[in-house]
Amino acid sequence: MKSGRDPEAAADLKPAYKLIATTTDHLEAKLAARMRREQATHAVVLTNNPPCDYEPYGCERILARLLPSGAQLTVYVRDDDGQVRLWRTYTGNGKAIA
């Protein structure tokens, strides 16, 4: 899985969230969509970039809304020096899901 536009990633979201590029373009949001489709409650991902922190709709700000209530997505990041570190575990509240 990689970043890049995938309109299907927002197919089951509330209308306002379908208009946010983060929900269709970013790896973390696309993984949240996959978790929704597959009814997964836990996932772990290793990325080469930390989740974005854009105002007001970056992954850091909305990822919990994109995850089903209680689902957890743990993100690890590989730094420029090759070290892998835990970024954060996001716990879903499902507020963006239709």
PDB file of N, CA and C in Angstrom:
ATOM      1  N   MET A   1       0.849  -1.164   0.000  1.00  0.00           N
ATOM      2  CA  MET A   1       0.000   0.000   0.000  1.00  0.00           C
ATOM      3  C   MET A   1       0.897   1.230   0.000  1.00  0.00           C
ATOM      4  N   LYS A   2       0.455   2.259  -0.728  1.00  0.00           N
ATOM      5  CA  LYS A   2       1.246   3.483  -0.790  1.00  0.00           C
ATOM      6  C   LYS A   2       0.331   4.691  -0.895  1.00  0.00           C
ATOM      7  N   SER A   3       0.911   5.853  -0.685  1.00  0.00           N
ATOM      8  CA  SER A   3       0.167   7.099  -0.823  1.00  0.00           C
ATOM      9  C   SER A   3      -0.222   7.291  -2.279  1.00  0.00           C
ATOM     10  N   GLY A   4      -1.218   8.109  -2.507  1.00  0.00           N
ATOM     11  CA  GLY A   4      -1.702   8.389  -3.856  1.00  0.00           C
ATOM     12  C   GLY A   4      -3.216   8.326  -3.875  1.00  0.00           C
ATOM     13  N   ARG A   5      -3.814   9.044  -4.791  1.00  0.00           N
ATOM     14  CA  ARG A   5      -5.270   9.193  -4.829  1.00  0.00           C
ATOM     15  C   ARG A   5      -6.001   7.878  -5.005  1.00  0.00           C
ATOM     16  N   ASP A   6      -6.977   7.652  -4.137  1.00  0.00           N
ATOM     17  CA  ASP A   6      -7.861   6.488  -4.209  1.00  0.00           C
ATOM     18  C   ASP A   6      -9.230   6.919  -3.691  1.00  0.00           C
ATOM     19  N   PRO A   7     -10.107   7.401  -4.585  1.00  0.00           N
ATOM     20  CA  PRO A   7     -11.422   7.889  -4.161  1.00  0.00           C
ATOM     21  C   PRO A   7     -12.240   6.857  -3.388  1.00  0.00           C
ATOM     22  N   GLU A   8     -12.014   5.579  -3.641  1.00  0.00           N
ATOM     23  CA  GLU A   8     -12.753   4.536  -2.929  1.00  0.00           C
ATOM     24  C   GLU A   8     -12.453   4.537  -1.430  1.00  0.00           C
ATOM     25  N   ALA A   9     -11.323   5.109  -1.036  1.00  0.00           N
ATOM     26  CA  ALA A   9     -10.962   5.148   0.383  1.00  0.00           C
ATOM     27  C   ALA A   9     -11.942   5.986   1.196  1.00  0.00           C
ATOM     28  N   ALA A  10     -12.676   6.881   0.525  1.00  0.00           N
ATOM     29  CA  ALA A  10     -13.636   7.739   1.225  1.00  0.00           C
ATOM     30  C   ALA A  10     -15.082   7.324   0.960  1.00  0.00           C
ATOM     31  N   ALA A  11     -15.291   6.225   0.275  1.00  0.00           N
ATOM     32  CA  ALA A  11     -16.637   5.823  -0.155  1.00  0.00           C
ATOM     33  C   ALA A  11     -17.631   5.679   0.990  1.00  0.00           C
ATOM     34  N   ASP A  12     -17.182   5.245   2.145  1.00  0.00           N
ATOM     35  CA  ASP A  12     -18.103   5.005   3.264  1.00  0.00           C
ATOM     36  C   ASP A  12     -18.049   6.093   4.331  1.00  0.00           C
ATOM     37  N   LEU A  13     -17.509   7.256   3.955  1.00  0.00           N
ATOM     38  CA  LEU A  13     -17.415   8.358   4.913  1.00  0.00           C
ATOM     39  C   LEU A  13     -18.584   9.323   4.752  1.00  0.00           C
ATOM     40  N   LYS A  14     -18.821  10.127   5.774  1.00  0.00           N
ATOM     41  CA  LYS A  14     -19.830  11.180   5.701  1.00  0.00           C
ATOM     42  C   LYS A  14     -19.446  12.142   4.582  1.00  0.00           C
ATOM     43  N   PRO A  15     -20.432  12.778   3.924  1.00  0.00           N
ATOM     44  CA  PRO A  15     -20.153  13.627   2.759  1.00  0.00           C
ATOM     45  C   PRO A  15     -19.050  14.661   2.960  1.00  0.00           C
ATOM     46  N   ALA A  16     -19.024  15.350   4.070  1.00  0.00           N
ATOM     47  CA  ALA A  16     -18.006  16.387   4.285  1.00  0.00           C
ATOM     48  C   ALA A  16     -16.592  15.816   4.254  1.00  0.00           C
ATOM     49  N   TYR A  17     -16.407  14.590   4.705  1.00  0.00           N
ATOM     50  CA  TYR A  17     -15.078  13.980   4.744  1.00  0.00           C
ATOM     51  C   TYR A  17     -14.633  13.497   3.371  1.00  0.00           C
ATOM     52  N   LYS A  18     -15.568  13.262   2.473  1.00  0.00           N
ATOM     53  CA  LYS A  18     -15.216  12.823   1.120  1.00  0.00           C
ATOM     54  C   LYS A  18     -14.487  13.917   0.351  1.00  0.00           C
ATOM     55  N   LEU A  19     -14.639  15.158   0.782  1.00  0.00           N
ATOM     56  CA  LEU A  19     -14.028  16.299   0.104  1.00  0.00           C
ATOM     57  C   LEU A  19     -12.619  16.612   0.591  1.00  0.00           C
ATOM     58  N   ILE A  20     -12.166  15.918   1.611  1.00  0.00           N
ATOM     59  CA  ILE A  20     -10.852  16.185   2.205  1.00  0.00           C
ATOM     60  C   ILE A  20      -9.810  15.296   1.529  1.00  0.00           C
ATOM     61  N   ALA A  21      -8.804  15.908   0.922  1.00  0.00           N
ATOM     62  CA  ALA A  21      -7.785  15.145   0.183  1.00  0.00           C
ATOM     63  C   ALA A  21      -7.084  14.114   1.060  1.00  0.00           C
ATOM     64  N   THR A  22      -6.890  14.423   2.317  1.00  0.00           N
ATOM     65  CA  THR A  22      -6.216  13.484   3.219  1.00  0.00           C
ATOM     66  C   THR A  22      -6.901  12.124   3.212  1.00  0.00           C
ATOM     67  N   THR A  23      -8.223  12.096   3.125  1.00  0.00           N
ATOM     68  CA  THR A  23      -8.965  10.835   3.235  1.00  0.00           C
ATOM     69  C   THR A  23      -8.805   9.937   2.017  1.00  0.00           C
ATOM     70  N   THR A  24      -8.370  10.502   0.884  1.00  0.00           N
ATOM     71  CA  THR A  24      -8.209   9.695  -0.331  1.00  0.00           C
ATOM     72  C   THR A  24      -6.760   9.558  -0.771  1.00  0.00           C
ATOM     73  N   ASP A  25      -5.878  10.376  -0.248  1.00  0.00           N
ATOM     74  CA  ASP A  25      -4.498  10.427  -0.742  1.00  0.00           C
ATOM     75  C   ASP A  25      -3.451   9.850   0.204  1.00  0.00           C
ATOM     76  N   HIS A  26      -3.680   9.899   1.490  1.00  0.00           N
ATOM     77  CA  HIS A  26      -2.628   9.558   2.448  1.00  0.00           C
ATOM     78  C   HIS A  26      -2.687   8.095   2.877  1.00  0.00           C
ATOM     79  N   LEU A  27      -1.520   7.518   3.024  1.00  0.00           N
ATOM     80  CA  LEU A  27      -1.392   6.105   3.378  1.00  0.00           C
ATOM     81  C   LEU A  27      -2.195   5.735   4.616  1.00  0.00           C
ATOM     82  N   GLU A  28      -2.082   6.531   5.665  1.00  0.00           N
ATOM     83  CA  GLU A  28      -2.752   6.200   6.917  1.00  0.00           C
ATOM     84  C   GLU A  28      -4.275   6.173   6.745  1.00  0.00           C
ATOM     85  N   ALA A  29      -4.805   7.128   5.999  1.00  0.00           N
ATOM     86  CA  ALA A  29      -6.251   7.178   5.762  1.00  0.00           C
ATOM     87  C   ALA A  29      -6.697   6.018   4.882  1.00  0.00           C
ATOM     88  N   LYS A  30      -5.876   5.657   3.905  1.00  0.00           N
ATOM     89  CA  LYS A  30      -6.209   4.516   3.047  1.00  0.00           C
ATOM     90  C   LYS A  30      -6.165   3.214   3.841  1.00  0.00           C
ATOM     91  N   LEU A  31      -5.250   3.115   4.780  1.00  0.00           N
ATOM     92  CA  LEU A  31      -5.205   1.933   5.639  1.00  0.00           C
ATOM     93  C   LEU A  31      -6.429   1.897   6.560  1.00  0.00           C
ATOM     94  N   ALA A  32      -6.855   3.058   7.050  1.00  0.00           N
ATOM     95  CA  ALA A  32      -8.081   3.116   7.859  1.00  0.00           C
ATOM     96  C   ALA A  32      -9.275   2.633   7.037  1.00  0.00           C
ATOM     97  N   ALA A  33      -9.331   3.004   5.754  1.00  0.00           N
ATOM     98  CA  ALA A  33     -10.416   2.544   4.873  1.00  0.00           C
ATOM     99  C   ALA A  33     -10.376   1.028   4.722  1.00  0.00           C
ATOM    100  N   ARG A  34      -9.192   0.497   4.572  1.00  0.00           N
ATOM    101  CA  ARG A  34      -9.054  -0.961   4.459  1.00  0.00           C
ATOM    102  C   ARG A  34      -9.511  -1.649   5.748  1.00  0.00           C
ATOM    103  N   MET A  35      -9.156  -1.062   6.875  1.00  0.00           N
ATOM    104  CA  MET A  35      -9.596  -1.621   8.156  1.00  0.00           C
ATOM    105  C   MET A  35     -11.122  -1.607   8.244  1.00  0.00           C
ATOM    106  N   ARG A  36     -11.752  -0.526   7.757  1.00  0.00           N
ATOM    107  CA  ARG A  36     -13.219  -0.466   7.777  1.00  0.00           C
ATOM    108  C   ARG A  36     -13.809  -1.562   6.892  1.00  0.00           C
ATOM    109  N   ARG A  37     -13.276  -1.694   5.683  1.00  0.00           N
ATOM    110  CA  ARG A  37     -13.792  -2.704   4.737  1.00  0.00           C
ATOM    111  C   ARG A  37     -13.656  -4.114   5.284  1.00  0.00           C
ATOM    112  N   GLU A  38     -12.508  -4.395   5.894  1.00  0.00           N
ATOM    113  CA  GLU A  38     -12.221  -5.755   6.360  1.00  0.00           C
ATOM    114  C   GLU A  38     -12.628  -5.979   7.817  1.00  0.00           C
ATOM    115  N   GLN A  39     -13.232  -4.968   8.417  1.00  0.00           N
ATOM    116  CA  GLN A  39     -13.661  -5.026   9.814  1.00  0.00           C
ATOM    117  C   GLN A  39     -12.511  -5.413  10.747  1.00  0.00           C
ATOM    118  N   ALA A  40     -11.326  -4.899  10.436  1.00  0.00           N
ATOM    119  CA  ALA A  40     -10.139  -5.147  11.261  1.00  0.00           C
ATOM    120  C   ALA A  40     -10.182  -4.234  12.483  1.00  0.00           C
ATOM    121  N   THR A  41      -9.770  -4.761  13.607  1.00  0.00           N
ATOM    122  CA  THR A  41      -9.765  -3.960  14.830  1.00  0.00           C
ATOM    123  C   THR A  41      -8.367  -3.501  15.236  1.00  0.00           C
ATOM    124  N   HIS A  42      -7.330  -4.108  14.645  1.00  0.00           N
ATOM    125  CA  HIS A  42      -5.947  -3.723  14.937  1.00  0.00           C
ATOM    126  C   HIS A  42      -5.122  -3.811  13.659  1.00  0.00           C
ATOM    127  N   ALA A  43      -4.227  -2.856  13.480  1.00  0.00           N
ATOM    128  CA  ALA A  43      -3.283  -2.898  12.367  1.00  0.00           C
ATOM    129  C   ALA A  43      -2.024  -2.156  12.789  1.00  0.00           C
ATOM    130  N   VAL A  44      -0.915  -2.527  12.151  1.00  0.00           N
ATOM    131  CA  VAL A  44       0.376  -1.885  12.392  1.00  0.00           C
ATOM    132  C   VAL A  44       0.957  -1.543  11.033  1.00  0.00           C
ATOM    133  N   VAL A  45       1.530  -0.353  10.910  1.00  0.00           N
ATOM    134  CA  VAL A  45       2.130   0.064   9.649  1.00  0.00           C
ATOM    135  C   VAL A  45       3.484   0.716   9.927  1.00  0.00           C
ATOM    136  N   LEU A  46       4.422   0.484   9.013  1.00  0.00           N
ATOM    137  CA  LEU A  46       5.737   1.128   9.038  1.00  0.00           C
ATOM    138  C   LEU A  46       5.798   2.047   7.837  1.00  0.00           C
ATOM    139  N   THR A  47       6.030   3.334   8.077  1.00  0.00           N
ATOM    140  CA  THR A  47       6.082   4.313   6.995  1.00  0.00           C
ATOM    141  C   THR A  47       7.445   4.990   6.962  1.00  0.00           C
ATOM    142  N   ASN A  48       7.700   5.685   5.858  1.00  0.00           N
ATOM    143  CA  ASN A  48       8.947   6.436   5.747  1.00  0.00           C
ATOM    144  C   ASN A  48       8.744   7.913   6.092  1.00  0.00           C
ATOM    145  N   ASN A  49       7.514   8.292   6.380  1.00  0.00           N
ATOM    146  CA  ASN A  49       7.203   9.669   6.774  1.00  0.00           C
ATOM    147  C   ASN A  49       6.223   9.649   7.939  1.00  0.00           C
ATOM    148  N   PRO A  50       6.383  10.549   8.882  1.00  0.00           N
ATOM    149  CA  PRO A  50       5.392  10.616   9.956  1.00  0.00           C
ATOM    150  C   PRO A  50       4.052  11.104   9.407  1.00  0.00           C
ATOM    151  N   PRO A  51       2.960  10.764  10.061  1.00  0.00           N
ATOM    152  CA  PRO A  51       1.658  11.263   9.629  1.00  0.00           C
ATOM    153  C   PRO A  51       1.655  12.793   9.597  1.00  0.00           C
ATOM    154  N   CYS A  52       0.982  13.343   8.592  1.00  0.00           N
ATOM    155  CA  CYS A  52       0.962  14.801   8.427  1.00  0.00           C
ATOM    156  C   CYS A  52       0.181  15.460   9.562  1.00  0.00           C
ATOM    157  N   ASP A  53       0.500  16.723   9.784  1.00  0.00           N
ATOM    158  CA  ASP A  53      -0.128  17.478  10.867  1.00  0.00           C
ATOM    159  C   ASP A  53      -0.759  18.759  10.323  1.00  0.00           C
ATOM    160  N   TYR A  54      -1.273  18.693   9.095  1.00  0.00           N
ATOM    161  CA  TYR A  54      -1.874  19.871   8.473  1.00  0.00           C
ATOM    162  C   TYR A  54      -3.078  20.351   9.275  1.00  0.00           C
ATOM    163  N   GLU A  55      -3.288  21.650   9.264  1.00  0.00           N
ATOM    164  CA  GLU A  55      -4.490  22.253   9.856  1.00  0.00           C
ATOM    165  C   GLU A  55      -5.514  22.406   8.748  1.00  0.00           C
ATOM    166  N   PRO A  56      -6.732  22.087   8.915  1.00  0.00           N
ATOM    167  CA  PRO A  56      -7.306  21.426  10.073  1.00  0.00           C
ATOM    168  C   PRO A  56      -7.509  19.920   9.870  1.00  0.00           C
ATOM    169  N   TYR A  57      -7.114  19.388   8.679  1.00  0.00           N
ATOM    170  CA  TYR A  57      -7.496  18.014   8.350  1.00  0.00           C
ATOM    171  C   TYR A  57      -6.338  17.064   8.086  1.00  0.00           C
ATOM    172  N   GLY A  58      -5.208  17.265   8.727  1.00  0.00           N
ATOM    173  CA  GLY A  58      -4.098  16.334   8.579  1.00  0.00           C
ATOM    174  C   GLY A  58      -4.388  15.018   9.285  1.00  0.00           C
ATOM    175  N   CYS A  59      -3.614  14.001   8.951  1.00  0.00           N
ATOM    176  CA  CYS A  59      -3.814  12.671   9.543  1.00  0.00           C
ATOM    177  C   CYS A  59      -3.780  12.714  11.067  1.00  0.00           C
ATOM    178  N   GLU A  60      -2.866  13.503  11.618  1.00  0.00           N
ATOM    179  CA  GLU A  60      -2.776  13.614  13.079  1.00  0.00           C
ATOM    180  C   GLU A  60      -4.099  14.091  13.670  1.00  0.00           C
ATOM    181  N   ARG A  61      -4.820  14.895  12.925  1.00  0.00           N
ATOM    182  CA  ARG A  61      -6.044  15.513  13.432  1.00  0.00           C
ATOM    183  C   ARG A  61      -7.301  14.685  13.176  1.00  0.00           C
ATOM    184  N   ILE A  62      -7.322  13.899  12.085  1.00  0.00           N
ATOM    185  CA  ILE A  62      -8.583  13.225  11.741  1.00  0.00           C
ATOM    186  C   ILE A  62      -8.522  11.703  11.712  1.00  0.00           C
ATOM    187  N   LEU A  63      -7.358  11.115  11.879  1.00  0.00           N
ATOM    188  CA  LEU A  63      -7.257   9.660  11.726  1.00  0.00           C
ATOM    189  C   LEU A  63      -8.169   8.903  12.689  1.00  0.00           C
ATOM    190  N   ALA A  64      -8.292   9.350  13.920  1.00  0.00           N
ATOM    191  CA  ALA A  64      -9.183   8.667  14.871  1.00  0.00           C
ATOM    192  C   ALA A  64     -10.620   8.660  14.361  1.00  0.00           C
ATOM    193  N   ARG A  65     -11.022   9.719  13.660  1.00  0.00           N
ATOM    194  CA  ARG A  65     -12.387   9.793  13.119  1.00  0.00           C
ATOM    195  C   ARG A  65     -12.601   8.808  11.977  1.00  0.00           C
ATOM    196  N   LEU A  66     -11.524   8.484  11.256  1.00  0.00           N
ATOM    197  CA  LEU A  66     -11.618   7.592  10.098  1.00  0.00           C
ATOM    198  C   LEU A  66     -11.612   6.125  10.488  1.00  0.00           C
ATOM    199  N   LEU A  67     -11.142   5.840  11.691  1.00  0.00           N
ATOM    200  CA  LEU A  67     -11.091   4.460  12.178  1.00  0.00           C
ATOM    201  C   LEU A  67     -12.405   4.100  12.866  1.00  0.00           C
ATOM    202  N   PRO A  68     -12.843   2.856  12.721  1.00  0.00           N
ATOM    203  CA  PRO A  68     -14.042   2.432  13.447  1.00  0.00           C
ATOM    204  C   PRO A  68     -13.845   2.607  14.952  1.00  0.00           C
ATOM    205  N   SER A  69     -14.921   2.839  15.638  1.00  0.00           N
ATOM    206  CA  SER A  69     -14.860   3.035  17.085  1.00  0.00           C
ATOM    207  C   SER A  69     -14.148   1.865  17.761  1.00  0.00           C
ATOM    208  N   GLY A  70     -13.102   2.196  18.514  1.00  0.00           N
ATOM    209  CA  GLY A  70     -12.334   1.193  19.243  1.00  0.00           C
ATOM    210  C   GLY A  70     -11.218   0.534  18.457  1.00  0.00           C
ATOM    211  N   ALA A  71     -11.209   0.666  17.127  1.00  0.00           N
ATOM    212  CA  ALA A  71     -10.137   0.079  16.312  1.00  0.00           C
ATOM    213  C   ALA A  71      -8.837   0.833  16.569  1.00  0.00           C
ATOM    214  N   GLN A  72      -7.707   0.133  16.466  1.00  0.00           N
ATOM    215  CA  GLN A  72      -6.410   0.757  16.721  1.00  0.00           C
ATOM    216  C   GLN A  72      -5.468   0.570  15.542  1.00  0.00           C
ATOM    217  N   LEU A  73      -4.816   1.663  15.173  1.00  0.00           N
ATOM    218  CA  LEU A  73      -3.796   1.658  14.131  1.00  0.00           C
ATOM    219  C   LEU A  73      -2.508   2.176  14.754  1.00  0.00           C
ATOM    220  N   THR A  74      -1.488   1.333  14.785  1.00  0.00           N
ATOM    221  CA  THR A  74      -0.192   1.715  15.334  1.00  0.00           C
ATOM    222  C   THR A  74       0.735   2.060  14.182  1.00  0.00           C
ATOM    223  N   VAL A  75       1.348   3.235  14.253  1.00  0.00           N
ATOM    224  CA  VAL A  75       2.224   3.730  13.195  1.00  0.00           C
ATOM    225  C   VAL A  75       3.664   3.775  13.705  1.00  0.00           C
ATOM    226  N   TYR A  76       4.544   3.128  12.951  1.00  0.00           N
ATOM    227  CA  TYR A  76       5.984   3.217  13.167  1.00  0.00           C
ATOM    228  C   TYR A  76       6.563   3.997  12.005  1.00  0.00           C
ATOM    229  N   VAL A  77       7.629   4.763  12.267  1.00  0.00           N
ATOM    230  CA  VAL A  77       8.268   5.578  11.237  1.00  0.00           C
ATOM    231  C   VAL A  77       9.744   5.229  11.166  1.00  0.00           C
ATOM    232  N   ARG A  78      10.233   5.040   9.931  1.00  0.00           N
ATOM    233  CA  ARG A  78      11.667   4.839   9.710  1.00  0.00           C
ATOM    234  C   ARG A  78      12.278   6.216   9.463  1.00  0.00           C
ATOM    235  N   ASP A  79      13.175   6.621  10.353  1.00  0.00           N
ATOM    236  CA  ASP A  79      13.829   7.922  10.242  1.00  0.00           C
ATOM    237  C   ASP A  79      14.847   7.927   9.106  1.00  0.00           C
ATOM    238  N   ASP A  80      15.355   9.119   8.780  1.00  0.00           N
ATOM    239  CA  ASP A  80      16.364   9.257   7.730  1.00  0.00           C
ATOM    240  C   ASP A  80      17.614   8.438   8.017  1.00  0.00           C
ATOM    241  N   ASP A  81      17.909   8.210   9.295  1.00  0.00           N
ATOM    242  CA  ASP A  81      19.095   7.428   9.656  1.00  0.00           C
ATOM    243  C   ASP A  81      18.814   5.925   9.686  1.00  0.00           C
ATOM    244  N   GLY A  82      17.592   5.526   9.285  1.00  0.00           N
ATOM    245  CA  GLY A  82      17.257   4.109   9.203  1.00  0.00           C
ATOM    246  C   GLY A  82      16.669   3.513  10.464  1.00  0.00           C
ATOM    247  N   GLN A  83      16.606   4.292  11.526  1.00  0.00           N
ATOM    248  CA  GLN A  83      16.048   3.796  12.782  1.00  0.00           C
ATOM    249  C   GLN A  83      14.521   3.764  12.710  1.00  0.00           C
ATOM    250  N   VAL A  84      13.940   2.726  13.277  1.00  0.00           N
ATOM    251  CA  VAL A  84      12.484   2.611  13.333  1.00  0.00           C
ATOM    252  C   VAL A  84      12.034   2.993  14.733  1.00  0.00           C
ATOM    253  N   ARG A  85      11.030   3.862  14.791  1.00  0.00           N
ATOM    254  CA  ARG A  85      10.519   4.258  16.104  1.00  0.00           C
ATOM    255  C   ARG A  85       8.995   4.293  16.080  1.00  0.00           C
ATOM    256  N   LEU A  86       8.435   4.031  17.229  1.00  0.00           N
ATOM    257  CA  LEU A  86       6.990   4.115  17.382  1.00  0.00           C
ATOM    258  C   LEU A  86       6.579   5.571  17.278  1.00  0.00           C
ATOM    259  N   TRP A  87       5.642   5.859  16.400  1.00  0.00           N
ATOM    260  CA  TRP A  87       5.118   7.216  16.291  1.00  0.00           C
ATOM    261  C   TRP A  87       3.952   7.385  17.253  1.00  0.00           C
ATOM    262  N   ARG A  88       2.925   6.525  17.072  1.00  0.00           N
ATOM    263  CA  ARG A  88       1.730   6.667  17.894  1.00  0.00           C
ATOM    264  C   ARG A  88       0.746   5.546  17.570  1.00  0.00           C
ATOM    265  N   THR A  89      -0.099   5.228  18.515  1.00  0.00           N
ATOM    266  CA  THR A  89      -1.237   4.347  18.260  1.00  0.00           C
ATOM    267  C   THR A  89      -2.490   5.207  18.285  1.00  0.00           C
ATOM    268  N   TYR A  90      -3.225   5.164  17.184  1.00  0.00           N
ATOM    269  CA  TYR A  90      -4.474   5.910  17.052  1.00  0.00           C
ATOM    270  C   TYR A  90      -5.625   4.978  17.408  1.00  0.00           C
ATOM    271  N   THR A  91      -6.550   5.452  18.202  1.00  0.00           N
ATOM    272  CA  THR A  91      -7.735   4.676  18.553  1.00  0.00           C
ATOM    273  C   THR A  91      -8.945   5.354  17.929  1.00  0.00           C
ATOM    274  N   GLY A  92      -9.694   4.584  17.166  1.00  0.00           N
ATOM    275  CA  GLY A  92     -10.811   5.135  16.419  1.00  0.00           C
ATOM    276  C   GLY A  92     -12.006   5.529  17.266  1.00  0.00           C
ATOM    277  N   ASN A  93     -12.683   6.596  16.784  1.00  0.00           N
ATOM    278  CA  ASN A  93     -13.968   6.978  17.378  1.00  0.00           C
ATOM    279  C   ASN A  93     -15.086   6.922  16.335  1.00  0.00           C
ATOM    280  N   GLY A  94     -14.724   6.701  15.061  1.00  0.00           N
ATOM    281  CA  GLY A  94     -15.700   6.500  13.997  1.00  0.00           C
ATOM    282  C   GLY A  94     -16.535   7.702  13.613  1.00  0.00           C
ATOM    283  N   LYS A  95     -16.189   8.890  14.055  1.00  0.00           N
ATOM    284  CA  LYS A  95     -17.029  10.070  13.826  1.00  0.00           C
ATOM    285  C   LYS A  95     -17.177  10.462  12.357  1.00  0.00           C
ATOM    286  N   ALA A  96     -16.250  10.048  11.483  1.00  0.00           N
ATOM    287  CA  ALA A  96     -16.341  10.410  10.069  1.00  0.00           C
ATOM    288  C   ALA A  96     -17.052   9.354   9.227  1.00  0.00           C
ATOM    289  N   ILE A  97     -17.354   8.221   9.819  1.00  0.00           N
ATOM    290  CA  ILE A  97     -17.934   7.107   9.067  1.00  0.00           C
ATOM    291  C   ILE A  97     -19.444   7.297   8.944  1.00  0.00           C
ATOM    292  N   ALA A  98     -19.940   7.138   7.714  1.00  0.00           N
ATOM    293  CA  ALA A  98     -21.383   7.319   7.454  1.00  0.00           C
ATOM    294  C   ALA A  98     -22.196   6.204   8.082  1.00  0.00           C
TER     295      ALA A  98
END
